[in-house]
Amino acid sequence: MKVIHLSAECYPVAKIGGLGDVAGALPKYLNQLGVEASVVMPFYERKFVQENTFETVFQANTFLGDRPFFFEVLKEASGKLGFDLYLIKILGLLDRTEVYGYADDIERFVAFQLAFLDWMLWSGKQTDIVHCHDHQTGLVPFLLYYSYRYKSLAHFRTVFTIHNGQYHGAFNWQRGNYLPEIDPWKTGLLDWSNGINPLASAVRCADAFTTVSPSYLKELSISSNGLEQLFELEKAHGTGIINGIDTDIWDPKTDPMITQKYTIKTVSAKKAKNKELLCKQFGFSAEKPLFTFIGRLVVEKGADLLPEIFRLMLADPKNPVSILVLGSGDEETELELAALKEASPGQYNAYIGYNEELAHRIYAGADFIMMPSRVEPCGLNQLYALRYGTMPIVNSVGGLKDTVIDISEPNGYGICCGAATINAVFTGIKRAIKLFKNTAELRLLYPREMTLDFSWGRSAKEYIHLYQSLKPKL
């Protein structure tokens, strides 16, 4: 079976969020299970591209509406990622540094999809399944099946994975001329609220769609930025599959980014050493419970709640704590979190930005990681934390609901707050502090957390089962 993953991100080339992690890991594990999986993504002028060798495997001219453009397909030469990686480079559109945030993002990603399909059409490259990820690739299922131009490719099966249903990539019908000639009787499959909606179109047109957790599939019928009715109607051919983590990269036994490597047998002593080093770096006492937050400082993640929650934690003299933040996002939240550093030296610190090595050291050294998310399609931070014996404190939503069991339940290993509110999260924190004071009980949970199977090996088998269920197009 041959599967091409089409994605705007892929670690280690370009990663903004969980999409990059998935595209960089799932194909590798599919290959290990006998599937011939590859990744096609846009070209970005970033570190990985600059430091590695690529060979040109295809070149052509095509059109975005009446605008001609030249594109190249570059293949990573070494194969060291565990899958074939292809980059589509388009002069003036896909030759920049950043992944998103440009005024012409619609043009950039529509051109990316057209270049991909033209490459498939003109090169004769074959695949069984095109697995599209998020709205940046959402037009592909429609174009494969209902564009006269790509009629000869209509035997390809398609799967569409939603990593975040709040973003649709919608644009007005005045830009409909960007697309090659399509069956006029099928234009309704592109339309939502009188515009072209790539995410809605992919849900309607793909042979199957998936979400990155079972609970998130249900939640899209309640909250999906205007597509609730669509998800209610289409849920029968949707499947929720929990994301995995790359256990080759996220492994405290071999992680090159942490100082004290450890196993289940050595976790208590070695994790304590990692905590000491982390606390020394940021001016904390290792005797206090260390709470952390890693991620985007945005409303979806509940980051707007953090300043007040932290003030409540720091104002409690009976329960002294240490707090470390690693993240960036909303400017006002960044400023509030940065300002707390002056008010609470020795107890609070923040690194505004992102640092992959620091993230690994935090997972290895922290006691608790906070995830008060309002929306969390899957969440990977809680899975990384559990792998390193760090307890997640979460709002039970989306993938957090599917992956974290409260310690009050049989075989529980996390703290579930029940709501993304200041009071609910602060109540969860007080439970965590109480648990920290019972050192023996906390350490007994380490093996339970670290032996949970959230590997891509498990998730990849579910995707293979889905692929195999798709019937050939007659």
Protein backbone atom coordinates (compact mmCIF):
# COMPACT_ATOMS: atom_id res chain seq x y z
CA MET A 1 0.00 0.00 0.00
CA LYS A 2 1.28 3.46 -0.95
CA VAL A 3 0.23 6.53 1.05
CA ILE A 4 1.20 10.15 0.42
CA HIS A 5 0.74 12.55 3.32
CA LEU A 6 0.04 16.10 2.21
CA SER A 7 0.71 18.68 4.94
CA ALA A 8 1.69 22.31 5.47
CA GLU A 9 4.02 21.28 8.31
CA CYS A 10 6.35 18.38 9.03
CA TYR A 11 8.91 18.04 11.82
CA PRO A 12 11.87 18.62 11.62
CA VAL A 13 11.48 20.80 8.51
CA ALA A 14 8.81 23.16 9.81
CA LYS A 15 6.72 22.72 12.94
CA ILE A 16 4.25 25.21 14.39
CA GLY A 17 2.09 22.81 16.37
CA GLY A 18 0.86 19.24 16.64
CA LEU A 19 0.31 18.98 12.89
CA GLY A 20 4.07 19.11 12.36
CA ASP A 21 4.66 16.37 14.92
CA VAL A 22 2.07 14.09 13.33
CA ALA A 23 3.33 14.54 9.77
CA GLY A 24 6.89 13.93 10.94
CA ALA A 25 6.16 10.74 12.87
CA LEU A 26 3.11 8.87 11.50
CA PRO A 27 4.69 8.14 8.07
CA LYS A 28 7.79 6.71 9.71
CA TYR A 29 5.75 4.29 11.79
CA LEU A 30 3.55 3.36 8.84
CA ASN A 31 6.71 2.41 6.93
CA GLN A 32 7.83 0.24 9.83
CA LEU A 33 4.52 -1.62 9.53
CA GLY A 34 4.95 -2.26 5.82
CA VAL A 35 3.14 0.72 4.30
CA GLU A 36 5.06 2.79 1.74
CA ALA A 37 4.42 6.24 3.20
CA SER A 38 5.87 9.57 2.11
CA VAL A 39 5.31 13.27 2.87
CA VAL A 40 4.75 16.16 0.46
CA MET A 41 4.89 19.66 1.94
CA PRO A 42 5.66 23.24 0.87
CA PHE A 43 9.24 24.49 0.63
CA TYR A 44 10.32 26.87 3.41
CA GLU A 45 13.72 28.54 3.62
CA ARG A 46 14.50 27.14 7.06
CA LYS A 47 17.38 25.49 8.89
CA PHE A 48 16.63 21.88 7.90
CA VAL A 49 16.49 22.77 4.21
CA GLN A 50 19.69 24.77 4.42
CA GLU A 51 21.62 22.01 6.19
CA ASN A 52 20.50 19.02 4.10
CA THR A 53 20.77 17.90 0.50
CA PHE A 54 17.81 17.85 -1.89
CA GLU A 55 17.55 16.67 -5.47
CA THR A 56 15.12 18.03 -8.03
CA VAL A 57 12.78 15.28 -9.22
CA PHE A 58 10.23 17.32 -11.19
CA GLN A 59 9.77 20.78 -12.71
CA ALA A 60 6.84 22.34 -14.55
CA ASN A 61 4.81 25.44 -15.26
CA THR A 62 1.14 25.67 -14.34
CA PHE A 63 -1.52 28.24 -13.49
CA LEU A 64 -3.26 29.72 -10.46
CA GLY A 65 -6.31 30.93 -12.36
CA ASP A 66 -4.78 33.08 -15.10
CA ARG A 67 -1.55 33.59 -13.16
CA PRO A 68 1.28 31.37 -14.45
CA PHE A 69 3.81 29.96 -12.01
CA PHE A 70 6.83 27.68 -12.09
CA PHE A 71 7.26 24.93 -9.50
CA GLU A 72 9.86 22.35 -8.56
CA VAL A 73 9.56 19.16 -6.55
CA LEU A 74 12.61 18.51 -4.38
CA LYS A 75 13.34 15.20 -2.66
CA GLU A 76 15.43 14.88 0.52
CA ALA A 77 18.42 12.82 -0.60
CA SER A 78 19.45 10.77 2.43
CA GLY A 79 16.14 9.22 3.49
CA LYS A 80 17.22 9.68 7.11
CA LEU A 81 13.75 10.69 8.31
CA GLY A 82 12.38 7.18 7.86
CA PHE A 83 10.19 8.25 4.94
CA ASP A 84 10.58 9.98 1.58
CA LEU A 85 10.20 13.74 1.96
CA TYR A 86 9.23 15.96 -0.98
CA LEU A 87 9.12 19.77 -0.97
CA ILE A 88 7.17 21.80 -3.51
CA LYS A 89 8.94 25.06 -4.25
CA ILE A 90 7.12 27.88 -6.03
CA LEU A 91 9.03 31.05 -6.77
CA GLY A 92 7.31 34.01 -5.14
CA LEU A 93 4.89 31.85 -3.13
CA LEU A 94 6.56 28.86 -1.50
CA ASP A 95 10.12 30.04 -1.04
CA ARG A 96 9.80 32.02 2.21
CA THR A 97 10.83 31.47 5.82
CA GLU A 98 7.54 31.37 7.71
CA VAL A 99 4.83 28.75 7.37
CA TYR A 100 1.81 30.99 7.92
CA GLY A 101 0.97 34.64 8.41
CA TYR A 102 1.29 36.13 4.94
CA ALA A 103 -1.43 38.22 3.26
CA ASP A 104 -1.45 35.79 0.32
CA ASP A 105 -1.67 32.55 2.32
CA ILE A 106 -4.78 31.52 0.36
CA GLU A 107 -2.89 31.84 -2.92
CA ARG A 108 0.15 30.07 -1.47
CA PHE A 109 -1.72 26.97 -0.34
CA VAL A 110 -4.08 26.74 -3.31
CA ALA A 111 -1.00 26.85 -5.57
CA PHE A 112 0.64 24.17 -3.41
CA GLN A 113 -2.33 21.85 -3.92
CA LEU A 114 -2.50 22.49 -7.66
CA ALA A 115 1.24 21.91 -8.05
CA PHE A 116 0.93 18.62 -6.15
CA LEU A 117 -1.91 17.41 -8.37
CA ASP A 118 -0.16 18.52 -11.55
CA TRP A 119 2.95 16.63 -10.46
CA MET A 120 0.85 13.51 -9.91
CA LEU A 121 -0.84 14.03 -13.29
CA TRP A 122 2.21 14.71 -15.44
CA SER A 123 4.78 12.48 -13.75
CA GLY A 124 2.64 9.37 -13.62
CA LYS A 125 3.56 8.93 -9.95
CA GLN A 126 1.19 6.44 -8.37
CA THR A 127 -0.28 6.10 -4.93
CA ASP A 128 -3.19 4.29 -3.36
CA ILE A 129 -4.14 6.94 -0.82
CA VAL A 130 -3.63 10.69 -0.51
CA HIS A 131 -3.86 11.53 3.18
CA CYS A 132 -4.58 15.27 3.51
CA HIS A 133 -4.04 17.21 6.73
CA ASP A 134 -6.03 20.34 7.69
CA HIS A 135 -7.57 23.00 5.46
CA GLN A 136 -4.31 23.88 3.66
CA THR A 137 -4.80 20.61 1.72
CA GLY A 138 -8.60 20.45 1.91
CA LEU A 139 -9.32 21.15 -1.78
CA VAL A 140 -7.49 18.05 -2.97
CA PRO A 141 -10.32 15.50 -2.45
CA PHE A 142 -12.78 17.70 -4.37
CA LEU A 143 -10.35 18.38 -7.22
CA LEU A 144 -9.41 14.71 -7.56
CA TYR A 145 -13.01 13.64 -7.99
CA TYR A 146 -14.76 16.62 -9.60
CA SER A 147 -12.20 18.51 -11.67
CA TYR A 148 -12.07 17.55 -15.35
CA ARG A 149 -8.32 18.22 -15.29
CA TYR A 150 -7.57 15.43 -12.82
CA LYS A 151 -10.09 12.88 -14.04
CA SER A 152 -7.36 10.29 -14.62
CA LEU A 153 -6.37 10.48 -10.94
CA ALA A 154 -9.85 9.89 -9.57
CA HIS A 155 -8.97 6.33 -8.59
CA PHE A 156 -6.82 7.67 -5.72
CA ARG A 157 -8.53 7.19 -2.34
CA THR A 158 -8.49 10.15 0.06
CA VAL A 159 -8.40 10.55 3.83
CA PHE A 160 -8.67 13.95 5.49
CA THR A 161 -7.46 14.55 9.06
CA ILE A 162 -8.69 17.54 11.08
CA HIS A 163 -6.08 18.76 13.54
CA ASN A 164 -7.97 21.95 14.39
CA GLY A 165 -11.53 22.47 13.20
CA GLN A 166 -11.61 26.14 14.17
CA TYR A 167 -9.62 27.10 11.06
CA HIS A 168 -11.25 26.52 7.67
CA GLY A 169 -9.13 28.43 5.12
CA ALA A 170 -12.33 29.89 3.61
CA PHE A 171 -12.28 32.42 0.77
CA ASN A 172 -14.86 34.11 -1.47
CA TRP A 173 -16.15 32.85 -4.79
CA GLN A 174 -14.38 35.68 -6.62
CA ARG A 175 -11.26 33.55 -6.16
CA GLY A 176 -13.01 30.50 -7.53
CA ASN A 177 -11.18 31.07 -10.82
CA TYR A 178 -8.02 29.85 -9.06
CA LEU A 179 -9.33 26.31 -9.57
CA PRO A 180 -9.13 24.41 -12.85
CA GLU A 181 -12.37 23.61 -14.66
CA ILE A 182 -14.74 21.71 -12.38
CA ASP A 183 -18.05 19.93 -12.78
CA PRO A 184 -20.58 22.78 -12.35
CA TRP A 185 -23.10 20.39 -10.80
CA LYS A 186 -20.67 19.73 -7.92
CA THR A 187 -19.85 23.32 -6.86
CA GLY A 188 -22.11 22.91 -3.82
CA LEU A 189 -19.50 20.58 -2.36
CA LEU A 190 -17.13 23.55 -2.14
CA ASP A 191 -19.63 26.02 -0.73
CA TRP A 192 -20.37 26.93 2.86
CA SER A 193 -21.98 30.26 3.85
CA ASN A 194 -21.65 31.55 0.29
CA GLY A 195 -17.92 31.02 0.11
CA ILE A 196 -15.41 28.29 -0.73
CA ASN A 197 -14.59 26.40 2.46
CA PRO A 198 -11.70 23.91 2.01
CA LEU A 199 -12.23 22.19 5.36
CA ALA A 200 -15.95 21.69 4.80
CA SER A 201 -15.30 20.50 1.26
CA ALA A 202 -12.77 17.91 2.43
CA VAL A 203 -15.17 16.54 5.05
CA ARG A 204 -17.81 16.12 2.34
CA CYS A 205 -15.57 14.78 -0.43
CA ALA A 206 -12.87 12.65 1.18
CA ASP A 207 -13.53 8.93 1.34
CA ALA A 208 -13.07 9.18 5.11
CA PHE A 209 -12.20 11.91 7.55
CA THR A 210 -10.56 11.61 10.92
CA THR A 211 -10.07 13.74 13.99
CA VAL A 212 -7.12 13.42 16.33
CA SER A 213 -9.22 12.06 19.20
CA PRO A 214 -12.65 10.41 19.56
CA SER A 215 -13.95 13.11 21.91
CA TYR A 216 -12.95 15.87 19.50
CA LEU A 217 -15.02 14.24 16.77
CA LYS A 218 -18.08 14.59 19.02
CA GLU A 219 -17.18 18.14 20.05
CA LEU A 220 -17.03 19.39 16.45
CA SER A 221 -20.81 18.97 16.26
CA ILE A 222 -21.02 21.44 19.15
CA SER A 223 -18.19 23.86 18.39
CA SER A 224 -16.43 24.14 15.02
CA ASN A 225 -16.63 27.81 14.12
CA GLY A 226 -19.80 27.52 12.07
CA LEU A 227 -19.55 23.95 10.76
CA GLU A 228 -21.49 22.29 13.57
CA GLN A 229 -24.38 21.23 11.33
CA LEU A 230 -21.97 19.75 8.79
CA PHE A 231 -20.23 17.59 11.39
CA GLU A 232 -23.54 16.41 12.77
CA LEU A 233 -24.59 15.32 9.27
CA GLU A 234 -21.23 13.76 8.31
CA LYS A 235 -20.19 12.14 11.59
CA ALA A 236 -21.04 8.64 10.31
CA HIS A 237 -17.95 8.55 8.10
CA GLY A 238 -15.68 10.22 10.64
CA THR A 239 -13.25 8.39 12.92
CA GLY A 240 -11.40 9.63 15.98
CA ILE A 241 -7.83 8.32 16.26
CA ILE A 242 -5.62 9.52 19.10
CA ASN A 243 -2.30 10.97 17.97
CA GLY A 244 0.79 9.13 19.04
CA ILE A 245 4.19 10.37 20.10
CA ASP A 246 7.50 9.44 18.56
CA THR A 247 8.98 7.28 21.30
CA ASP A 248 12.37 7.34 19.58
CA ILE A 249 12.57 11.09 20.21
CA TRP A 250 10.58 11.28 23.45
CA ASP A 251 12.37 8.70 25.59
CA PRO A 252 13.94 9.65 28.95
CA LYS A 253 16.23 6.64 28.64
CA THR A 254 18.02 8.01 25.55
CA ASP A 255 16.98 11.68 25.25
CA PRO A 256 20.15 13.64 24.30
CA MET A 257 18.56 16.90 25.46
CA ILE A 258 18.34 15.96 29.15
CA THR A 259 21.28 15.65 31.53
CA GLN A 260 20.12 12.75 33.68
CA LYS A 261 18.66 9.96 31.58
CA TYR A 262 16.40 7.48 33.35
CA THR A 263 14.18 4.42 33.20
CA ILE A 264 11.24 3.27 35.29
CA LYS A 265 13.73 1.76 37.75
CA THR A 266 15.79 4.93 38.14
CA VAL A 267 13.10 7.59 37.65
CA SER A 268 12.82 8.76 41.28
CA ALA A 269 16.49 9.64 41.74
CA LYS A 270 17.24 10.80 38.21
CA LYS A 271 14.11 12.90 37.82
CA ALA A 272 14.99 14.63 41.08
CA LYS A 273 18.45 15.43 39.64
CA ASN A 274 16.89 16.88 36.49
CA LYS A 275 14.61 19.00 38.66
CA GLU A 276 17.57 20.30 40.66
CA LEU A 277 19.37 21.38 37.49
CA LEU A 278 16.25 23.04 36.08
CA CYS A 279 15.55 24.85 39.34
CA LYS A 280 19.13 26.06 39.56
CA GLN A 281 18.89 27.50 36.04
CA PHE A 282 15.76 29.49 36.86
CA GLY A 283 16.47 30.39 40.48
CA PHE A 284 14.00 28.05 42.18
CA SER A 285 14.16 25.84 45.23
CA ALA A 286 13.96 22.18 44.29
CA GLU A 287 12.10 21.49 47.55
CA LYS A 288 8.93 23.11 46.25
CA PRO A 289 6.52 21.56 43.73
CA LEU A 290 7.41 22.74 40.22
CA PHE A 291 4.41 23.62 38.04
CA THR A 292 4.90 24.32 34.34
CA PHE A 293 3.08 25.41 31.23
CA ILE A 294 4.43 24.71 27.73
CA GLY A 295 2.65 25.90 24.63
CA ARG A 296 0.93 28.66 22.74
CA LEU A 297 -0.29 31.54 24.89
CA VAL A 298 -3.72 31.75 23.30
CA VAL A 299 -7.34 31.58 24.47
CA GLU A 300 -7.82 28.06 23.07
CA LYS A 301 -5.14 26.82 25.47
CA GLY A 302 -6.64 28.71 28.43
CA ALA A 303 -3.51 30.87 28.59
CA ASP A 304 -5.54 33.98 29.44
CA LEU A 305 -6.38 32.31 32.78
CA LEU A 306 -2.76 31.78 33.74
CA PRO A 307 -1.78 35.22 35.13
CA GLU A 308 -4.58 35.22 37.72
CA ILE A 309 -4.10 31.52 38.54
CA PHE A 310 -0.39 32.15 39.08
CA ARG A 311 -1.10 35.15 41.30
CA LEU A 312 -3.35 32.98 43.48
CA MET A 313 -0.68 30.29 43.70
CA LEU A 314 2.07 32.74 44.57
CA ALA A 315 -0.05 34.49 47.20
CA ASP A 316 -0.50 31.35 49.31
CA PRO A 317 2.24 31.37 51.99
CA LYS A 318 1.17 27.97 53.36
CA ASN A 319 1.83 26.23 50.05
CA PRO A 320 4.95 27.69 48.41
CA VAL A 321 5.42 26.67 44.77
CA SER A 322 7.67 27.24 41.78
CA ILE A 323 6.20 28.09 38.36
CA LEU A 324 7.91 28.00 34.96
CA VAL A 325 6.32 29.03 31.64
CA LEU A 326 7.63 28.26 28.16
CA GLY A 327 5.57 29.70 25.33
CA SER A 328 4.51 32.59 23.15
CA GLY A 329 1.35 33.93 21.59
CA ASP A 330 -1.07 36.65 22.61
CA GLU A 331 0.95 39.81 23.26
CA GLU A 332 -1.10 40.95 26.26
CA THR A 333 -0.76 37.55 27.93
CA GLU A 334 2.98 37.54 27.20
CA LEU A 335 3.36 40.94 28.89
CA GLU A 336 1.34 39.88 31.94
CA LEU A 337 3.35 36.69 32.37
CA ALA A 338 6.65 38.52 31.89
CA ALA A 339 5.66 41.12 34.49
CA LEU A 340 5.17 38.42 37.15
CA LYS A 341 8.92 37.71 37.06
CA GLU A 342 9.72 40.98 38.86
CA ALA A 343 6.97 40.48 41.44
CA SER A 344 7.94 36.91 42.38
CA PRO A 345 11.65 36.25 41.96
CA GLY A 346 12.70 32.80 43.11
CA GLN A 347 9.21 31.42 42.62
CA TYR A 348 8.23 32.32 39.08
CA ASN A 349 9.99 32.56 35.74
CA ALA A 350 9.00 32.63 32.09
CA TYR A 351 10.74 32.00 28.79
CA ILE A 352 8.72 33.83 26.15
CA GLY A 353 9.37 32.03 22.90
CA TYR A 354 10.05 28.39 22.14
CA ASN A 355 13.08 26.25 22.85
CA GLU A 356 12.92 22.54 21.98
CA GLU A 357 15.78 21.55 24.30
CA LEU A 358 14.29 23.46 27.22
CA ALA A 359 10.94 21.76 26.62
CA HIS A 360 12.59 18.34 26.97
CA ARG A 361 14.34 19.43 30.17
CA ILE A 362 11.07 20.71 31.60
CA TYR A 363 9.27 17.44 30.92
CA ALA A 364 12.13 15.58 32.60
CA GLY A 365 12.38 17.85 35.64
CA ALA A 366 8.93 19.24 36.42
CA ASP A 367 6.44 17.74 38.84
CA PHE A 368 3.29 18.95 37.08
CA ILE A 369 2.33 20.36 33.68
CA MET A 370 -0.78 22.53 33.36
CA MET A 371 -3.14 22.30 30.37
CA PRO A 372 -6.32 24.33 31.10
CA SER A 373 -7.37 24.19 27.45
CA ARG A 374 -10.77 25.27 26.23
CA VAL A 375 -10.16 23.43 22.93
CA GLU A 376 -7.70 20.55 22.60
CA PRO A 377 -8.24 18.33 19.53
CA CYS A 378 -5.70 15.84 20.86
CA GLY A 379 -2.89 17.43 22.80
CA LEU A 380 0.62 16.07 22.79
CA ASN A 381 2.11 17.83 25.80
CA GLN A 382 0.25 15.58 28.24
CA LEU A 383 1.57 12.53 26.37
CA TYR A 384 5.15 13.81 26.46
CA ALA A 385 4.76 14.63 30.15
CA LEU A 386 3.44 11.17 31.03
CA ARG A 387 6.31 9.55 29.14
CA TYR A 388 8.69 11.45 31.47
CA GLY A 389 6.74 10.84 34.69
CA THR A 390 5.35 14.38 34.92
CA MET A 391 1.72 14.59 35.98
CA PRO A 392 -0.70 16.54 33.74
CA ILE A 393 -3.32 18.87 35.22
CA VAL A 394 -5.94 19.21 32.50
CA ASN A 395 -9.40 20.38 31.58
CA SER A 396 -11.26 17.28 30.40
CA VAL A 397 -11.88 18.31 26.82
CA GLY A 398 -11.06 16.70 23.45
CA GLY A 399 -7.99 14.52 23.51
CA LEU A 400 -7.25 15.43 27.12
CA LYS A 401 -10.49 13.69 28.09
CA ASP A 402 -9.43 10.61 26.12
CA THR A 403 -5.89 10.35 27.46
CA VAL A 404 -5.88 11.52 31.10
CA ILE A 405 -7.61 9.59 33.89
CA ASP A 406 -8.03 11.37 37.22
CA ILE A 407 -6.13 9.98 40.19
CA SER A 408 -9.44 9.53 42.02
CA GLU A 409 -10.36 6.81 39.48
CA PRO A 410 -8.96 3.25 39.40
CA ASN A 411 -5.54 3.28 37.73
CA GLY A 412 -5.69 7.09 37.45
CA TYR A 413 -2.54 9.11 36.78
CA GLY A 414 -3.55 12.75 36.26
CA ILE A 415 -5.62 15.58 37.66
CA CYS A 416 -8.77 16.58 35.76
CA CYS A 417 -10.22 19.99 36.55
CA GLY A 418 -13.59 19.68 34.86
CA ALA A 419 -13.67 23.19 33.42
CA ALA A 420 -11.41 25.89 31.98
CA THR A 421 -12.04 28.37 34.77
CA ILE A 422 -9.78 29.99 37.35
CA ASN A 423 -11.55 28.32 40.27
CA ALA A 424 -11.59 24.84 38.69
CA VAL A 425 -7.92 24.96 37.71
CA PHE A 426 -6.86 26.38 41.07
CA THR A 427 -8.76 23.57 42.82
CA GLY A 428 -6.82 21.08 40.68
CA ILE A 429 -3.55 22.77 41.65
CA LYS A 430 -4.38 22.48 45.35
CA ARG A 431 -4.96 18.75 44.79
CA ALA A 432 -1.56 18.55 43.12
CA ILE A 433 0.15 20.32 46.03
CA LYS A 434 -1.46 17.90 48.48
CA LEU A 435 -0.21 14.98 46.39
CA PHE A 436 3.30 16.47 46.21
CA LYS A 437 3.47 16.54 50.02
CA ASN A 438 2.86 12.79 49.95
CA THR A 439 6.12 12.03 48.14
CA ALA A 440 5.73 8.26 48.31
CA GLU A 441 2.31 8.33 46.63
CA LEU A 442 3.53 10.66 43.88
CA ARG A 443 6.53 8.47 43.11
CA LEU A 444 4.37 5.35 43.01
CA LEU A 445 2.58 6.91 40.03
CA TYR A 446 5.77 7.30 37.95
CA PRO A 447 5.77 3.72 36.57
CA ARG A 448 2.05 3.90 35.78
CA GLU A 449 2.55 7.11 33.80
CA MET A 450 5.69 6.01 31.98
CA THR A 451 4.33 2.63 30.82
CA LEU A 452 1.21 4.02 29.14
CA ASP A 453 1.21 3.21 25.41
CA PHE A 454 0.63 6.40 23.46
CA SER A 455 3.13 5.43 20.77
CA TRP A 456 2.64 5.96 17.06
CA GLY A 457 2.92 2.21 16.64
CA ARG A 458 -0.52 1.84 18.20
CA SER A 459 -2.06 4.76 16.31
CA ALA A 460 -0.48 3.76 12.98
CA LYS A 461 -2.24 0.38 13.14
CA GLU A 462 -5.58 2.20 13.45
CA TYR A 463 -4.80 4.27 10.35
CA ILE A 464 -3.82 1.16 8.40
CA HIS A 465 -7.14 -0.43 9.35
CA LEU A 466 -8.91 2.72 8.08
CA TYR A 467 -6.92 2.70 4.81
CA GLN A 468 -7.76 -0.94 4.22
CA SER A 469 -11.46 -0.27 4.72
CA LEU A 470 -11.60 2.18 1.80
CA LYS A 471 -13.14 0.62 -1.29
CA PRO A 472 -11.45 1.10 -4.67
CA LYS A 473 -13.05 3.64 -6.97
CA LEU A 474 -14.70 1.94 -9.92
